[in-house]
């Protein structure tokens, strides 16, 4: 697909959102079941799909959230930033 005349490739099993700045650079990405994302030289390829949110803060530094993923943060994500927060979706009431 094209966003702001930039070619963007994304493979995710859930909803995906991408925000580019006025220069066409990635500012934020959120995707359920993300497997692959590419915008210019910025690329993420994951062996296992992951629920990911990634954004630049006020200082222009990357931060991210990884939801419901066990084990270590995947290396492709750690190459982007070491600033990751893990969250878990709570189980529905009465379900263990």
PDB file of N, CA and C in Angstrom:
ATOM      1  N   UNK A   1       0.836  -1.168   0.000  1.00  0.00           N
ATOM      2  CA  UNK A   1       0.000   0.000   0.000  1.00  0.00           C
ATOM      3  C   UNK A   1       0.882   1.233   0.000  1.00  0.00           C
ATOM      4  N   UNK A   2       0.275   2.370  -0.247  1.00  0.00           N
ATOM      5  CA  UNK A   2       1.003   3.639  -0.206  1.00  0.00           C
ATOM      6  C   UNK A   2       0.403   4.527   0.871  1.00  0.00           C
ATOM      7  N   UNK A   3       1.289   5.131   1.653  1.00  0.00           N
ATOM      8  CA  UNK A   3       0.911   6.122   2.645  1.00  0.00           C
ATOM      9  C   UNK A   3       1.801   7.332   2.411  1.00  0.00           C
ATOM     10  N   UNK A   4       1.181   8.490   2.181  1.00  0.00           N
ATOM     11  CA  UNK A   4       1.944   9.710   1.864  1.00  0.00           C
ATOM     12  C   UNK A   4       2.946   9.458   0.740  1.00  0.00           C
ATOM     13  N   UNK A   5       2.492   8.729  -0.269  1.00  0.00           N
ATOM     14  CA  UNK A   5       3.309   8.387  -1.437  1.00  0.00           C
ATOM     15  C   UNK A   5       4.536   7.545  -1.114  1.00  0.00           C
ATOM     16  N   UNK A   6       4.529   6.850   0.015  1.00  0.00           N
ATOM     17  CA  UNK A   6       5.618   5.947   0.387  1.00  0.00           C
ATOM     18  C   UNK A   6       5.082   4.522   0.368  1.00  0.00           C
ATOM     19  N   UNK A   7       5.840   3.606  -0.224  1.00  0.00           N
ATOM     20  CA  UNK A   7       5.447   2.199  -0.256  1.00  0.00           C
ATOM     21  C   UNK A   7       5.610   1.593   1.135  1.00  0.00           C
ATOM     22  N   UNK A   8       4.536   0.983   1.627  1.00  0.00           N
ATOM     23  CA  UNK A   8       4.534   0.334   2.935  1.00  0.00           C
ATOM     24  C   UNK A   8       4.045  -1.094   2.738  1.00  0.00           C
ATOM     25  N   UNK A   9       4.774  -2.038   3.320  1.00  0.00           N
ATOM     26  CA  UNK A   9       4.382  -3.443   3.274  1.00  0.00           C
ATOM     27  C   UNK A   9       4.182  -3.914   4.709  1.00  0.00           C
ATOM     28  N   UNK A  10       3.030  -4.527   4.977  1.00  0.00           N
ATOM     29  CA  UNK A  10       2.758  -5.029   6.318  1.00  0.00           C
ATOM     30  C   UNK A  10       2.010  -6.350   6.227  1.00  0.00           C
ATOM     31  N   UNK A  11       2.441  -7.302   7.059  1.00  0.00           N
ATOM     32  CA  UNK A  11       1.767  -8.586   7.162  1.00  0.00           C
ATOM     33  C   UNK A  11       1.421  -8.775   8.632  1.00  0.00           C
ATOM     34  N   UNK A  12       0.144  -8.700   8.944  1.00  0.00           N
ATOM     35  CA  UNK A  12      -0.350  -8.861  10.307  1.00  0.00           C
ATOM     36  C   UNK A  12      -1.695  -9.570  10.243  1.00  0.00           C
ATOM     37  N   UNK A  13      -2.010 -10.322  11.291  1.00  0.00           N
ATOM     38  CA  UNK A  13      -3.283 -11.038  11.298  1.00  0.00           C
ATOM     39  C   UNK A  13      -4.396 -10.216  11.922  1.00  0.00           C
ATOM     40  N   UNK A  14      -4.051  -9.138  12.601  1.00  0.00           N
ATOM     41  CA  UNK A  14      -5.046  -8.277  13.238  1.00  0.00           C
ATOM     42  C   UNK A  14      -5.046  -6.899  12.620  1.00  0.00           C
ATOM     43  N   UNK A  15      -5.619  -5.979  13.345  1.00  0.00           N
ATOM     44  CA  UNK A  15      -5.669  -4.586  12.901  1.00  0.00           C
ATOM     45  C   UNK A  15      -4.263  -4.014  12.903  1.00  0.00           C
ATOM     46  N   UNK A  16      -3.961  -3.188  11.914  1.00  0.00           N
ATOM     47  CA  UNK A  16      -2.656  -2.535  11.838  1.00  0.00           C
ATOM     48  C   UNK A  16      -2.855  -1.049  11.566  1.00  0.00           C
ATOM     49  N   UNK A  17      -1.995  -0.244  12.184  1.00  0.00           N
ATOM     50  CA  UNK A  17      -2.036   1.204  11.987  1.00  0.00           C
ATOM     51  C   UNK A  17      -0.615   1.715  11.839  1.00  0.00           C
ATOM     52  N   UNK A  18      -0.440   2.669  10.931  1.00  0.00           N
ATOM     53  CA  UNK A  18       0.874   3.251  10.659  1.00  0.00           C
ATOM     54  C   UNK A  18       0.719   4.763  10.624  1.00  0.00           C
ATOM     55  N   UNK A  19       1.655   5.462  11.279  1.00  0.00           N
ATOM     56  CA  UNK A  19       1.664   6.922  11.201  1.00  0.00           C
ATOM     57  C   UNK A  19       3.048   7.371  10.734  1.00  0.00           C
ATOM     58  N   UNK A  20       3.054   8.179   9.669  1.00  0.00           N
ATOM     59  CA  UNK A  20       4.297   8.745   9.147  1.00  0.00           C
ATOM     60  C   UNK A  20       4.337  10.232   9.464  1.00  0.00           C
ATOM     61  N   UNK A  21       5.548  10.768   9.612  1.00  0.00           N
ATOM     62  CA  UNK A  21       5.657  12.207   9.817  1.00  0.00           C
ATOM     63  C   UNK A  21       5.583  12.917   8.467  1.00  0.00           C
ATOM     64  N   UNK A  22       5.713  14.227   8.490  1.00  0.00           N
ATOM     65  CA  UNK A  22       5.581  15.002   7.248  1.00  0.00           C
ATOM     66  C   UNK A  22       6.674  14.698   6.232  1.00  0.00           C
ATOM     67  N   UNK A  23       7.787  14.106   6.678  1.00  0.00           N
ATOM     68  CA  UNK A  23       8.867  13.720   5.770  1.00  0.00           C
ATOM     69  C   UNK A  23       8.719  12.284   5.275  1.00  0.00           C
ATOM     70  N   UNK A  24       7.644  11.606   5.696  1.00  0.00           N
ATOM     71  CA  UNK A  24       7.406  10.240   5.257  1.00  0.00           C
ATOM     72  C   UNK A  24       8.130   9.188   6.069  1.00  0.00           C
ATOM     73  N   UNK A  25       8.666   9.577   7.225  1.00  0.00           N
ATOM     74  CA  UNK A  25       9.353   8.622   8.094  1.00  0.00           C
ATOM     75  C   UNK A  25       8.367   8.059   9.116  1.00  0.00           C
ATOM     76  N   UNK A  26       8.626   6.816   9.511  1.00  0.00           N
ATOM     77  CA  UNK A  26       7.761   6.149  10.472  1.00  0.00           C
ATOM     78  C   UNK A  26       7.798   6.871  11.815  1.00  0.00           C
ATOM     79  N   UNK A  27       6.612   7.156  12.335  1.00  0.00           N
ATOM     80  CA  UNK A  27       6.466   7.771  13.657  1.00  0.00           C
ATOM     81  C   UNK A  27       5.849   6.790  14.641  1.00  0.00           C
ATOM     82  N   UNK A  28       4.944   5.933  14.143  1.00  0.00           N
ATOM     83  CA  UNK A  28       4.279   4.973  15.021  1.00  0.00           C
ATOM     84  C   UNK A  28       3.745   3.802  14.203  1.00  0.00           C
ATOM     85  N   UNK A  29       3.697   2.657  14.871  1.00  0.00           N
ATOM     86  CA  UNK A  29       3.192   1.431  14.257  1.00  0.00           C
ATOM     87  C   UNK A  29       2.507   0.619  15.348  1.00  0.00           C
ATOM     88  N   UNK A  30       1.338   0.104  15.058  1.00  0.00           N
ATOM     89  CA  UNK A  30       0.650  -0.819  15.955  1.00  0.00           C
ATOM     90  C   UNK A  30       0.045  -1.920  15.098  1.00  0.00           C
ATOM     91  N   UNK A  31       0.227  -3.156  15.536  1.00  0.00           N
ATOM     92  CA  UNK A  31      -0.299  -4.269  14.739  1.00  0.00           C
ATOM     93  C   UNK A  31      -0.539  -5.476  15.625  1.00  0.00           C
ATOM     94  N   UNK A  32      -1.663  -6.137  15.395  1.00  0.00           N
ATOM     95  CA  UNK A  32      -1.964  -7.402  16.051  1.00  0.00           C
ATOM     96  C   UNK A  32      -1.439  -8.531  15.192  1.00  0.00           C
ATOM     97  N   UNK A  33      -0.669  -9.412  15.786  1.00  0.00           N
ATOM     98  CA  UNK A  33      -0.120 -10.538  15.041  1.00  0.00           C
ATOM     99  C   UNK A  33       0.855 -10.107  13.953  1.00  0.00           C
ATOM    100  N   UNK A  34       1.706  -9.136  14.253  1.00  0.00           N
ATOM    101  CA  UNK A  34       2.674  -8.638  13.263  1.00  0.00           C
ATOM    102  C   UNK A  34       3.700  -9.704  12.927  1.00  0.00           C
ATOM    103  N   UNK A  35       3.902  -9.915  11.650  1.00  0.00           N
ATOM    104  CA  UNK A  35       4.956 -10.810  11.161  1.00  0.00           C
ATOM    105  C   UNK A  35       6.019 -10.031  10.391  1.00  0.00           C
ATOM    106  N   UNK A  36       5.568  -9.041   9.619  1.00  0.00           N
ATOM    107  CA  UNK A  36       6.528  -8.311   8.775  1.00  0.00           C
ATOM    108  C   UNK A  36       6.031  -6.885   8.540  1.00  0.00           C
ATOM    109  N   UNK A  37       6.977  -5.956   8.540  1.00  0.00           N
ATOM    110  CA  UNK A  37       6.695  -4.556   8.215  1.00  0.00           C
ATOM    111  C   UNK A  37       7.910  -3.999   7.496  1.00  0.00           C
ATOM    112  N   UNK A  38       7.649  -3.207   6.428  1.00  0.00           N
ATOM    113  CA  UNK A  38       8.750  -2.571   5.694  1.00  0.00           C
ATOM    114  C   UNK A  38       8.301  -1.218   5.187  1.00  0.00           C
ATOM    115  N   UNK A  39       9.153  -0.227   5.444  1.00  0.00           N
ATOM    116  CA  UNK A  39       8.987   1.127   4.931  1.00  0.00           C
ATOM    117  C   UNK A  39      10.395   1.633   4.648  1.00  0.00           C
ATOM    118  N   UNK A  40      10.758   1.712   3.388  1.00  0.00           N
ATOM    119  CA  UNK A  40      12.126   2.106   3.040  1.00  0.00           C
ATOM    120  C   UNK A  40      13.119   1.133   3.641  1.00  0.00           C
ATOM    121  N   UNK A  41      14.105   1.653   4.376  1.00  0.00           N
ATOM    122  CA  UNK A  41      15.110   0.780   4.993  1.00  0.00           C
ATOM    123  C   UNK A  41      14.682   0.271   6.369  1.00  0.00           C
ATOM    124  N   UNK A  42      13.545   0.751   6.889  1.00  0.00           N
ATOM    125  CA  UNK A  42      13.038   0.298   8.181  1.00  0.00           C
ATOM    126  C   UNK A  42      12.268  -0.996   7.960  1.00  0.00           C
ATOM    127  N   UNK A  43      12.725  -2.075   8.587  1.00  0.00           N
ATOM    128  CA  UNK A  43      12.087  -3.370   8.362  1.00  0.00           C
ATOM    129  C   UNK A  43      12.071  -4.189   9.647  1.00  0.00           C
ATOM    130  N   UNK A  44      10.951  -4.856   9.880  1.00  0.00           N
ATOM    131  CA  UNK A  44      10.802  -5.788  10.995  1.00  0.00           C
ATOM    132  C   UNK A  44      10.322  -7.110  10.407  1.00  0.00           C
ATOM    133  N   UNK A  45      11.016  -8.191  10.720  1.00  0.00           N
ATOM    134  CA  UNK A  45      10.592  -9.540  10.334  1.00  0.00           C
ATOM    135  C   UNK A  45      10.643 -10.407  11.579  1.00  0.00           C
ATOM    136  N   UNK A  46       9.499 -10.968  11.963  1.00  0.00           N
ATOM    137  CA  UNK A  46       9.410 -11.779  13.169  1.00  0.00           C
ATOM    138  C   UNK A  46       9.100 -13.229  12.813  1.00  0.00           C
ATOM    139  N   UNK A  47       9.761 -14.164  13.506  1.00  0.00           N
ATOM    140  CA  UNK A  47       9.498 -15.595  13.287  1.00  0.00           C
ATOM    141  C   UNK A  47       8.107 -15.967  13.775  1.00  0.00           C
ATOM    142  N   UNK A  48       7.729 -15.426  14.927  1.00  0.00           N
ATOM    143  CA  UNK A  48       6.413 -15.664  15.506  1.00  0.00           C
ATOM    144  C   UNK A  48       5.636 -14.355  15.501  1.00  0.00           C
ATOM    145  N   UNK A  49       4.350 -14.382  15.141  1.00  0.00           N
ATOM    146  CA  UNK A  49       3.575 -13.142  15.153  1.00  0.00           C
ATOM    147  C   UNK A  49       3.491 -12.565  16.568  1.00  0.00           C
ATOM    148  N   UNK A  50       3.449 -11.242  16.641  1.00  0.00           N
ATOM    149  CA  UNK A  50       3.400 -10.574  17.944  1.00  0.00           C
ATOM    150  C   UNK A  50       2.493  -9.353  17.862  1.00  0.00           C
ATOM    151  N   UNK A  51       1.836  -9.056  18.987  1.00  0.00           N
ATOM    152  CA  UNK A  51       1.043  -7.830  19.104  1.00  0.00           C
ATOM    153  C   UNK A  51       2.002  -6.732  19.549  1.00  0.00           C
ATOM    154  N   UNK A  52       2.206  -5.758  18.674  1.00  0.00           N
ATOM    155  CA  UNK A  52       3.261  -4.765  18.869  1.00  0.00           C
ATOM    156  C   UNK A  52       2.705  -3.354  18.705  1.00  0.00           C
ATOM    157  N   UNK A  53       3.166  -2.456  19.565  1.00  0.00           N
ATOM    158  CA  UNK A  53       2.963  -1.018  19.374  1.00  0.00           C
ATOM    159  C   UNK A  53       4.336  -0.383  19.507  1.00  0.00           C
ATOM    160  N   UNK A  54       4.662   0.515  18.597  1.00  0.00           N
ATOM    161  CA  UNK A  54       5.977   1.137  18.540  1.00  0.00           C
ATOM    162  C   UNK A  54       5.789   2.593  18.167  1.00  0.00           C
ATOM    163  N   UNK A  55       6.461   3.498  18.864  1.00  0.00           N
ATOM    164  CA  UNK A  55       6.306   4.920  18.566  1.00  0.00           C
ATOM    165  C   UNK A  55       7.563   5.676  18.976  1.00  0.00           C
ATOM    166  N   UNK A  56       7.691   6.888  18.454  1.00  0.00           N
ATOM    167  CA  UNK A  56       8.773   7.775  18.870  1.00  0.00           C
ATOM    168  C   UNK A  56       8.226   8.733  19.920  1.00  0.00           C
ATOM    169  N   UNK A  57       9.006   8.930  20.977  1.00  0.00           N
ATOM    170  CA  UNK A  57       8.582   9.845  22.038  1.00  0.00           C
ATOM    171  C   UNK A  57       8.960  11.282  21.666  1.00  0.00           C
ATOM    172  N   UNK A  58       8.773  12.203  22.592  1.00  0.00           N
ATOM    173  CA  UNK A  58       9.041  13.632  22.319  1.00  0.00           C
ATOM    174  C   UNK A  58      10.482  13.906  21.941  1.00  0.00           C
ATOM    175  N   UNK A  59      11.393  13.054  22.403  1.00  0.00           N
ATOM    176  CA  UNK A  59      12.814  13.222  22.074  1.00  0.00           C
ATOM    177  C   UNK A  59      13.195  12.515  20.784  1.00  0.00           C
ATOM    178  N   UNK A  60      12.216  11.861  20.151  1.00  0.00           N
ATOM    179  CA  UNK A  60      12.488  11.138  18.912  1.00  0.00           C
ATOM    180  C   UNK A  60      13.061   9.753  19.122  1.00  0.00           C
ATOM    181  N   UNK A  61      12.985   9.242  20.365  1.00  0.00           N
ATOM    182  CA  UNK A  61      13.497   7.909  20.676  1.00  0.00           C
ATOM    183  C   UNK A  61      12.362   6.893  20.618  1.00  0.00           C
ATOM    184  N   UNK A  62      12.691   5.695  20.138  1.00  0.00           N
ATOM    185  CA  UNK A  62      11.698   4.633  20.018  1.00  0.00           C
ATOM    186  C   UNK A  62      11.346   4.042  21.372  1.00  0.00           C
ATOM    187  N   UNK A  63      10.070   3.725  21.540  1.00  0.00           N
ATOM    188  CA  UNK A  63       9.555   2.983  22.680  1.00  0.00           C
ATOM    189  C   UNK A  63       8.545   1.977  22.134  1.00  0.00           C
ATOM    190  N   UNK A  64       8.359   0.891  22.866  1.00  0.00           N
ATOM    191  CA  UNK A  64       7.419  -0.098  22.377  1.00  0.00           C
ATOM    192  C   UNK A  64       6.702  -0.851  23.470  1.00  0.00           C
ATOM    193  N   UNK A  65       5.596  -1.474  23.072  1.00  0.00           N
ATOM    194  CA  UNK A  65       4.821  -2.357  23.939  1.00  0.00           C
ATOM    195  C   UNK A  65       4.643  -3.666  23.193  1.00  0.00           C
ATOM    196  N   UNK A  66       4.862  -4.748  23.913  1.00  0.00           N
ATOM    197  CA  UNK A  66       4.671  -6.093  23.377  1.00  0.00           C
ATOM    198  C   UNK A  66       3.617  -6.758  24.246  1.00  0.00           C
ATOM    199  N   UNK A  67       2.560  -7.252  23.620  1.00  0.00           N
ATOM    200  CA  UNK A  67       1.430  -7.810  24.365  1.00  0.00           C
ATOM    201  C   UNK A  67       1.383  -9.319  24.252  1.00  0.00           C
ATOM    202  N   UNK A  68       1.189  -9.982  25.391  1.00  0.00           N
ATOM    203  CA  UNK A  68       0.951 -11.433  25.463  1.00  0.00           C
ATOM    204  C   UNK A  68       2.018 -12.285  24.791  1.00  0.00           C
ATOM    205  N   UNK A  69       3.255 -11.859  24.823  1.00  0.00           N
ATOM    206  CA  UNK A  69       4.337 -12.662  24.233  1.00  0.00           C
ATOM    207  C   UNK A  69       5.214 -13.196  25.364  1.00  0.00           C
ATOM    208  N   UNK A  70       5.518 -14.484  25.323  1.00  0.00           N
ATOM    209  CA  UNK A  70       6.402 -15.073  26.316  1.00  0.00           C
ATOM    210  C   UNK A  70       7.833 -15.072  25.822  1.00  0.00           C
ATOM    211  N   UNK A  71       8.747 -15.380  26.714  1.00  0.00           N
ATOM    212  CA  UNK A  71      10.154 -15.458  26.344  1.00  0.00           C
ATOM    213  C   UNK A  71      10.759 -14.079  26.168  1.00  0.00           C
ATOM    214  N   UNK A  72      11.983 -14.052  25.651  1.00  0.00           N
ATOM    215  CA  UNK A  72      12.667 -12.767  25.472  1.00  0.00           C
ATOM    216  C   UNK A  72      12.026 -11.931  24.354  1.00  0.00           C
ATOM    217  N   UNK A  73      12.277 -10.639  24.417  1.00  0.00           N
ATOM    218  CA  UNK A  73      11.840  -9.750  23.327  1.00  0.00           C
ATOM    219  C   UNK A  73      12.571 -10.198  22.067  1.00  0.00           C
ATOM    220  N   UNK A  74      11.861 -10.400  20.948  1.00  0.00           N
ATOM    221  CA  UNK A  74      12.528 -10.835  19.716  1.00  0.00           C
ATOM    222  C   UNK A  74      13.648  -9.870  19.292  1.00  0.00           C
ATOM    223  N   UNK A  75      14.742 -10.428  18.843  1.00  0.00           N
ATOM    224  CA  UNK A  75      15.920  -9.647  18.448  1.00  0.00           C
ATOM    225  C   UNK A  75      15.611  -8.531  17.446  1.00  0.00           C
ATOM    226  N   UNK A  76      14.765  -8.778  16.411  1.00  0.00           N
ATOM    227  CA  UNK A  76      14.474  -7.672  15.479  1.00  0.00           C
ATOM    228  C   UNK A  76      13.865  -6.455  16.181  1.00  0.00           C
ATOM    229  N   UNK A  77      13.098  -6.690  17.249  1.00  0.00           N
ATOM    230  CA  UNK A  77      12.517  -5.575  18.005  1.00  0.00           C
ATOM    231  C   UNK A  77      13.559  -4.918  18.905  1.00  0.00           C
ATOM    232  N   UNK A  78      14.460  -5.716  19.491  1.00  0.00           N
ATOM    233  CA  UNK A  78      15.512  -5.176  20.352  1.00  0.00           C
ATOM    234  C   UNK A  78      16.500  -4.317  19.566  1.00  0.00           C
ATOM    235  N   UNK A  79      16.634  -4.594  18.270  1.00  0.00           N
ATOM    236  CA  UNK A  79      17.523  -3.765  17.438  1.00  0.00           C
ATOM    237  C   UNK A  79      16.962  -2.357  17.260  1.00  0.00           C
ATOM    238  N   UNK A  80      15.648  -2.223  17.360  1.00  0.00           N
ATOM    239  CA  UNK A  80      15.010  -0.916  17.213  1.00  0.00           C
ATOM    240  C   UNK A  80      15.159  -0.110  18.496  1.00  0.00           C
ATOM    241  N   UNK A  81      14.872  -0.761  19.637  1.00  0.00           N
ATOM    242  CA  UNK A  81      14.972  -0.102  20.938  1.00  0.00           C
ATOM    243  C   UNK A  81      15.075  -1.153  22.035  1.00  0.00           C
ATOM    244  N   UNK A  82      15.665  -0.743  23.142  1.00  0.00           N
ATOM    245  CA  UNK A  82      15.719  -1.595  24.336  1.00  0.00           C
ATOM    246  C   UNK A  82      14.586  -1.207  25.285  1.00  0.00           C
ATOM    247  N   UNK A  83      13.818  -0.181  24.928  1.00  0.00           N
ATOM    248  CA  UNK A  83      12.756   0.355  25.782  1.00  0.00           C
ATOM    249  C   UNK A  83      11.416  -0.305  25.453  1.00  0.00           C
ATOM    250  N   UNK A  84      11.217  -1.508  25.977  1.00  0.00           N
ATOM    251  CA  UNK A  84       9.990  -2.273  25.751  1.00  0.00           C
ATOM    252  C   UNK A  84       9.241  -2.489  27.056  1.00  0.00           C
ATOM    253  N   UNK A  85       7.939  -2.404  26.975  1.00  0.00           N
ATOM    254  CA  UNK A  85       7.051  -2.722  28.084  1.00  0.00           C
ATOM    255  C   UNK A  85       6.218  -3.914  27.658  1.00  0.00           C
ATOM    256  N   UNK A  86       6.080  -4.872  28.554  1.00  0.00           N
ATOM    257  CA  UNK A  86       5.223  -6.037  28.277  1.00  0.00           C
ATOM    258  C   UNK A  86       3.903  -5.851  28.995  1.00  0.00           C
ATOM    259  N   UNK A  87       2.820  -6.187  28.305  1.00  0.00           N
ATOM    260  CA  UNK A  87       1.519  -6.180  28.948  1.00  0.00           C
ATOM    261  C   UNK A  87       0.797  -7.472  28.635  1.00  0.00           C
ATOM    262  N   UNK A  88      -0.090  -7.837  29.516  1.00  0.00           N
ATOM    263  CA  UNK A  88      -0.926  -9.010  29.317  1.00  0.00           C
ATOM    264  C   UNK A  88      -2.378  -8.571  29.294  1.00  0.00           C
ATOM    265  N   UNK A  89      -3.141  -9.171  28.418  1.00  0.00           N
ATOM    266  CA  UNK A  89      -4.590  -8.916  28.395  1.00  0.00           C
ATOM    267  C   UNK A  89      -5.173  -9.781  29.503  1.00  0.00           C
ATOM    268  N   UNK A  90      -5.945  -9.180  30.399  1.00  0.00           N
ATOM    269  CA  UNK A  90      -6.521  -9.989  31.488  1.00  0.00           C
ATOM    270  C   UNK A  90      -7.511 -11.022  30.947  1.00  0.00           C
ATOM    271  N   UNK A  91      -7.587 -12.146  31.647  1.00  0.00           N
ATOM    272  CA  UNK A  91      -8.560 -13.176  31.287  1.00  0.00           C
ATOM    273  C   UNK A  91      -9.964 -12.659  31.585  1.00  0.00           C
ATOM    274  N   UNK A  92     -10.957 -13.098  30.808  1.00  0.00           N
ATOM    275  CA  UNK A  92     -12.335 -12.719  31.125  1.00  0.00           C
ATOM    276  C   UNK A  92     -12.685 -13.201  32.531  1.00  0.00           C
ATOM    277  N   UNK A  93     -13.590 -12.517  33.190  1.00  0.00           N
ATOM    278  CA  UNK A  93     -13.995 -12.860  34.550  1.00  0.00           C
ATOM    279  C   UNK A  93     -14.413 -14.326  34.630  1.00  0.00           C
ATOM    280  N   UNK A  94     -13.880 -15.028  35.635  1.00  0.00           N
ATOM    281  CA  UNK A  94     -14.267 -16.423  35.867  1.00  0.00           C
ATOM    282  C   UNK A  94     -13.519 -17.422  35.019  1.00  0.00           C
ATOM    283  N   UNK A  95     -12.575 -16.963  34.159  1.00  0.00           N
ATOM    284  CA  UNK A  95     -11.804 -17.872  33.303  1.00  0.00           C
ATOM    285  C   UNK A  95     -10.361 -17.840  33.778  1.00  0.00           C
ATOM    286  N   UNK A  96      -9.785 -19.015  33.988  1.00  0.00           N
ATOM    287  CA  UNK A  96      -8.388 -19.087  34.436  1.00  0.00           C
ATOM    288  C   UNK A  96      -7.457 -19.194  33.282  1.00  0.00           C
TER     289      UNK A  96
END
